[in-house]
Amino acid sequence: MRSEKDCELPKLRRKLWTIHEDSRIKNELLNLDAASNFRKTVAKQNASMNWE
């Protein structure tokens, strides 16, 4: 017979996995934000250099 703990483990694993996936997705979004901000900054710098 399975104990209650055996039933809890899969739930905990799923919960941990969900948290892990959420943080991974957030990190990717932050990286995308940083990359697009960086590109905008570079574009601005290039634009200002062209005027000089």
PDB file of N, CA and C in Angstrom:
ATOM      1  N   MET A   1       0.822  -1.212   0.000  1.00  0.00           N
ATOM      2  CA  MET A   1       0.000   0.000   0.000  1.00  0.00           C
ATOM      3  C   MET A   1       0.854   1.258   0.000  1.00  0.00           C
ATOM      4  N   ARG A   2       0.412   2.238  -0.752  1.00  0.00           N
ATOM      5  CA  ARG A   2       1.163   3.489  -0.811  1.00  0.00           C
ATOM      6  C   ARG A   2       0.775   4.399   0.333  1.00  0.00           C
ATOM      7  N   SER A   3       1.760   5.017   0.902  1.00  0.00           N
ATOM      8  CA  SER A   3       1.479   5.945   2.003  1.00  0.00           C
ATOM      9  C   SER A   3       1.088   7.313   1.428  1.00  0.00           C
ATOM     10  N   GLU A   4       0.642   8.193   2.312  1.00  0.00           N
ATOM     11  CA  GLU A   4       0.267   9.540   1.852  1.00  0.00           C
ATOM     12  C   GLU A   4       1.472  10.282   1.297  1.00  0.00           C
ATOM     13  N   LYS A   5       2.649  10.033   1.887  1.00  0.00           N
ATOM     14  CA  LYS A   5       3.866  10.705   1.411  1.00  0.00           C
ATOM     15  C   LYS A   5       4.143  10.355  -0.043  1.00  0.00           C
ATOM     16  N   ASP A   6       3.912   9.115  -0.419  1.00  0.00           N
ATOM     17  CA  ASP A   6       4.140   8.708  -1.800  1.00  0.00           C
ATOM     18  C   ASP A   6       3.246   9.477  -2.761  1.00  0.00           C
ATOM     19  N   CYS A   7       2.071   9.818  -2.307  1.00  0.00           N
ATOM     20  CA  CYS A   7       1.142  10.582  -3.151  1.00  0.00           C
ATOM     21  C   CYS A   7       1.541  12.056  -3.207  1.00  0.00           C
ATOM     22  N   GLU A   8       2.157  12.541  -2.156  1.00  0.00           N
ATOM     23  CA  GLU A   8       2.550  13.944  -2.096  1.00  0.00           C
ATOM     24  C   GLU A   8       3.737  14.251  -3.007  1.00  0.00           C
ATOM     25  N   LEU A   9       4.654  13.298  -3.134  1.00  0.00           N
ATOM     26  CA  LEU A   9       5.867  13.550  -3.905  1.00  0.00           C
ATOM     27  C   LEU A   9       5.625  14.043  -5.340  1.00  0.00           C
ATOM     28  N   PRO A  10       4.795  13.353  -6.109  1.00  0.00           N
ATOM     29  CA  PRO A  10       4.565  13.840  -7.478  1.00  0.00           C
ATOM     30  C   PRO A  10       4.011  15.268  -7.493  1.00  0.00           C
ATOM     31  N   LYS A  11       3.139  15.584  -6.540  1.00  0.00           N
ATOM     32  CA  LYS A  11       2.584  16.936  -6.468  1.00  0.00           C
ATOM     33  C   LYS A  11       3.698  17.942  -6.226  1.00  0.00           C
ATOM     34  N   LEU A  12       4.567  17.623  -5.273  1.00  0.00           N
ATOM     35  CA  LEU A  12       5.682  18.523  -4.966  1.00  0.00           C
ATOM     36  C   LEU A  12       6.600  18.681  -6.160  1.00  0.00           C
ATOM     37  N   ARG A  13       6.867  17.573  -6.833  1.00  0.00           N
ATOM     38  CA  ARG A  13       7.740  17.637  -8.019  1.00  0.00           C
ATOM     39  C   ARG A  13       7.142  18.540  -9.079  1.00  0.00           C
ATOM     40  N   ARG A  14       5.834  18.386  -9.294  1.00  0.00           N
ATOM     41  CA  ARG A  14       5.155  19.223 -10.291  1.00  0.00           C
ATOM     42  C   ARG A  14       5.244  20.689  -9.906  1.00  0.00           C
ATOM     43  N   LYS A  15       5.031  20.967  -8.620  1.00  0.00           N
ATOM     44  CA  LYS A  15       5.072  22.341  -8.131  1.00  0.00           C
ATOM     45  C   LYS A  15       6.462  22.941  -8.347  1.00  0.00           C
ATOM     46  N   LEU A  16       7.489  22.178  -7.969  1.00  0.00           N
ATOM     47  CA  LEU A  16       8.865  22.648  -8.148  1.00  0.00           C
ATOM     48  C   LEU A  16       9.166  22.883  -9.618  1.00  0.00           C
ATOM     49  N   TRP A  17       8.711  21.965 -10.464  1.00  0.00           N
ATOM     50  CA  TRP A  17       8.963  22.093 -11.891  1.00  0.00           C
ATOM     51  C   TRP A  17       8.302  23.351 -12.432  1.00  0.00           C
ATOM     52  N   THR A  18       7.081  23.619 -11.990  1.00  0.00           N
ATOM     53  CA  THR A  18       6.353  24.808 -12.433  1.00  0.00           C
ATOM     54  C   THR A  18       7.104  26.067 -12.028  1.00  0.00           C
ATOM     55  N   ILE A  19       7.574  26.095 -10.769  1.00  0.00           N
ATOM     56  CA  ILE A  19       8.333  27.255 -10.287  1.00  0.00           C
ATOM     57  C   ILE A  19       9.596  27.430 -11.127  1.00  0.00           C
ATOM     58  N   HIS A  20      10.263  26.324 -11.389  1.00  0.00           N
ATOM     59  CA  HIS A  20      11.487  26.348 -12.179  1.00  0.00           C
ATOM     60  C   HIS A  20      11.203  26.892 -13.581  1.00  0.00           C
ATOM     61  N   GLU A  21      10.149  26.412 -14.214  1.00  0.00           N
ATOM     62  CA  GLU A  21       9.792  26.860 -15.561  1.00  0.00           C
ATOM     63  C   GLU A  21       9.446  28.342 -15.550  1.00  0.00           C
ATOM     64  N   ASP A  22       8.673  28.779 -14.534  1.00  0.00           N
ATOM     65  CA  ASP A  22       8.303  30.193 -14.433  1.00  0.00           C
ATOM     66  C   ASP A  22       9.536  31.067 -14.367  1.00  0.00           C
ATOM     67  N   SER A  23      10.497  30.696 -13.531  1.00  0.00           N
ATOM     68  CA  SER A  23      11.684  31.530 -13.383  1.00  0.00           C
ATOM     69  C   SER A  23      12.521  31.508 -14.663  1.00  0.00           C
ATOM     70  N   ARG A  24      12.526  30.359 -15.351  1.00  0.00           N
ATOM     71  CA  ARG A  24      13.277  30.272 -16.605  1.00  0.00           C
ATOM     72  C   ARG A  24      12.665  31.205 -17.651  1.00  0.00           C
ATOM     73  N   ILE A  25      11.342  31.196 -17.715  1.00  0.00           N
ATOM     74  CA  ILE A  25      10.636  32.053 -18.676  1.00  0.00           C
ATOM     75  C   ILE A  25      10.873  33.526 -18.332  1.00  0.00           C
ATOM     76  N   LYS A  26      10.793  33.860 -17.032  1.00  0.00           N
ATOM     77  CA  LYS A  26      11.046  35.250 -16.622  1.00  0.00           C
ATOM     78  C   LYS A  26      12.448  35.678 -17.002  1.00  0.00           C
ATOM     79  N   ASN A  27      13.428  34.811 -16.792  1.00  0.00           N
ATOM     80  CA  ASN A  27      14.812  35.136 -17.159  1.00  0.00           C
ATOM     81  C   ASN A  27      14.935  35.378 -18.652  1.00  0.00           C
ATOM     82  N   GLU A  28      14.274  34.547 -19.439  1.00  0.00           N
ATOM     83  CA  GLU A  28      14.345  34.727 -20.889  1.00  0.00           C
ATOM     84  C   GLU A  28      13.720  36.044 -21.297  1.00  0.00           C
ATOM     85  N   LEU A  29      12.597  36.401 -20.658  1.00  0.00           N
ATOM     86  CA  LEU A  29      11.951  37.675 -20.973  1.00  0.00           C
ATOM     87  C   LEU A  29      12.849  38.842 -20.591  1.00  0.00           C
ATOM     88  N   LEU A  30      13.501  38.741 -19.426  1.00  0.00           N
ATOM     89  CA  LEU A  30      14.429  39.794 -19.008  1.00  0.00           C
ATOM     90  C   LEU A  30      15.570  39.918 -20.004  1.00  0.00           C
ATOM     91  N   ASN A  31      16.092  38.792 -20.450  1.00  0.00           N
ATOM     92  CA  ASN A  31      17.183  38.815 -21.435  1.00  0.00           C
ATOM     93  C   ASN A  31      16.725  39.466 -22.738  1.00  0.00           C
ATOM     94  N   LEU A  32      15.504  39.158 -23.158  1.00  0.00           N
ATOM     95  CA  LEU A  32      14.979  39.761 -24.386  1.00  0.00           C
ATOM     96  C   LEU A  32      14.839  41.270 -24.205  1.00  0.00           C
ATOM     97  N   ASP A  33      14.327  41.694 -23.049  1.00  0.00           N
ATOM     98  CA  ASP A  33      14.202  43.123 -22.746  1.00  0.00           C
ATOM     99  C   ASP A  33      15.560  43.794 -22.805  1.00  0.00           C
ATOM    100  N   ALA A  34      16.534  43.192 -22.149  1.00  0.00           N
ATOM    101  CA  ALA A  34      17.872  43.771 -22.106  1.00  0.00           C
ATOM    102  C   ALA A  34      18.445  43.867 -23.519  1.00  0.00           C
ATOM    103  N   ALA A  35      18.245  42.832 -24.312  1.00  0.00           N
ATOM    104  CA  ALA A  35      18.771  42.821 -25.673  1.00  0.00           C
ATOM    105  C   ALA A  35      18.120  43.917 -26.508  1.00  0.00           C
ATOM    106  N   SER A  36      16.808  44.086 -26.383  1.00  0.00           N
ATOM    107  CA  SER A  36      16.143  45.103 -27.199  1.00  0.00           C
ATOM    108  C   SER A  36      16.531  46.507 -26.724  1.00  0.00           C
ATOM    109  N   ASN A  37      16.700  46.685 -25.412  1.00  0.00           N
ATOM    110  CA  ASN A  37      17.161  47.981 -24.913  1.00  0.00           C
ATOM    111  C   ASN A  37      18.563  48.276 -25.428  1.00  0.00           C
ATOM    112  N   PHE A  38      19.403  47.265 -25.432  1.00  0.00           N
ATOM    113  CA  PHE A  38      20.771  47.427 -25.910  1.00  0.00           C
ATOM    114  C   PHE A  38      20.766  47.832 -27.384  1.00  0.00           C
ATOM    115  N   ARG A  39      19.933  47.144 -28.180  1.00  0.00           N
ATOM    116  CA  ARG A  39      19.860  47.477 -29.612  1.00  0.00           C
ATOM    117  C   ARG A  39      19.375  48.909 -29.810  1.00  0.00           C
ATOM    118  N   LYS A  40      18.376  49.331 -29.001  1.00  0.00           N
ATOM    119  CA  LYS A  40      17.869  50.703 -29.121  1.00  0.00           C
ATOM    120  C   LYS A  40      18.972  51.705 -28.798  1.00  0.00           C
ATOM    121  N   THR A  41      19.725  51.407 -27.726  1.00  0.00           N
ATOM    122  CA  THR A  41      20.816  52.303 -27.321  1.00  0.00           C
ATOM    123  C   THR A  41      21.856  52.405 -28.422  1.00  0.00           C
ATOM    124  N   VAL A  42      22.234  51.275 -28.998  1.00  0.00           N
ATOM    125  CA  VAL A  42      23.228  51.269 -30.069  1.00  0.00           C
ATOM    126  C   VAL A  42      22.700  52.052 -31.270  1.00  0.00           C
ATOM    127  N   ALA A  43      21.438  51.854 -31.588  1.00  0.00           N
ATOM    128  CA  ALA A  43      20.835  52.562 -32.723  1.00  0.00           C
ATOM    129  C   ALA A  43      20.863  54.071 -32.476  1.00  0.00           C
ATOM    130  N   LYS A  44      20.541  54.492 -31.253  1.00  0.00           N
ATOM    131  CA  LYS A  44      20.580  55.926 -30.917  1.00  0.00           C
ATOM    132  C   LYS A  44      21.993  56.466 -31.072  1.00  0.00           C
ATOM    133  N   GLN A  45      22.963  55.716 -30.547  1.00  0.00           N
ATOM    134  CA  GLN A  45      24.359  56.160 -30.628  1.00  0.00           C
ATOM    135  C   GLN A  45      24.793  56.270 -32.086  1.00  0.00           C
ATOM    136  N   ASN A  46      24.418  55.298 -32.885  1.00  0.00           N
ATOM    137  CA  ASN A  46      24.780  55.333 -34.312  1.00  0.00           C
ATOM    138  C   ASN A  46      24.137  56.536 -34.986  1.00  0.00           C
ATOM    139  N   ALA A  47      22.875  56.795 -34.643  1.00  0.00           N
ATOM    140  CA  ALA A  47      22.161  57.918 -35.239  1.00  0.00           C
ATOM    141  C   ALA A  47      22.836  59.238 -34.854  1.00  0.00           C
ATOM    142  N   SER A  48      23.218  59.373 -33.593  1.00  0.00           N
ATOM    143  CA  SER A  48      23.841  60.628 -33.164  1.00  0.00           C
ATOM    144  C   SER A  48      25.231  60.781 -33.771  1.00  0.00           C
ATOM    145  N   MET A  49      25.936  59.682 -34.005  1.00  0.00           N
ATOM    146  CA  MET A  49      27.267  59.759 -34.619  1.00  0.00           C
ATOM    147  C   MET A  49      27.156  60.198 -36.077  1.00  0.00           C
ATOM    148  N   ASN A  50      26.101  59.743 -36.743  1.00  0.00           N
ATOM    149  CA  ASN A  50      25.937  60.089 -38.157  1.00  0.00           C
ATOM    150  C   ASN A  50      25.703  61.578 -38.352  1.00  0.00           C
ATOM    151  N   TRP A  51      25.104  62.222 -37.346  1.00  0.00           N
ATOM    152  CA  TRP A  51      24.799  63.657 -37.481  1.00  0.00           C
ATOM    153  C   TRP A  51      26.041  64.510 -37.303  1.00  0.00           C
ATOM    154  N   GLU A  52      27.027  63.980 -36.574  1.00  0.00           N
ATOM    155  CA  GLU A  52      28.215  64.805 -36.285  1.00  0.00           C
ATOM    156  C   GLU A  52      29.146  64.881 -37.481  1.00  0.00           C
TER     157      GLU A  52
END
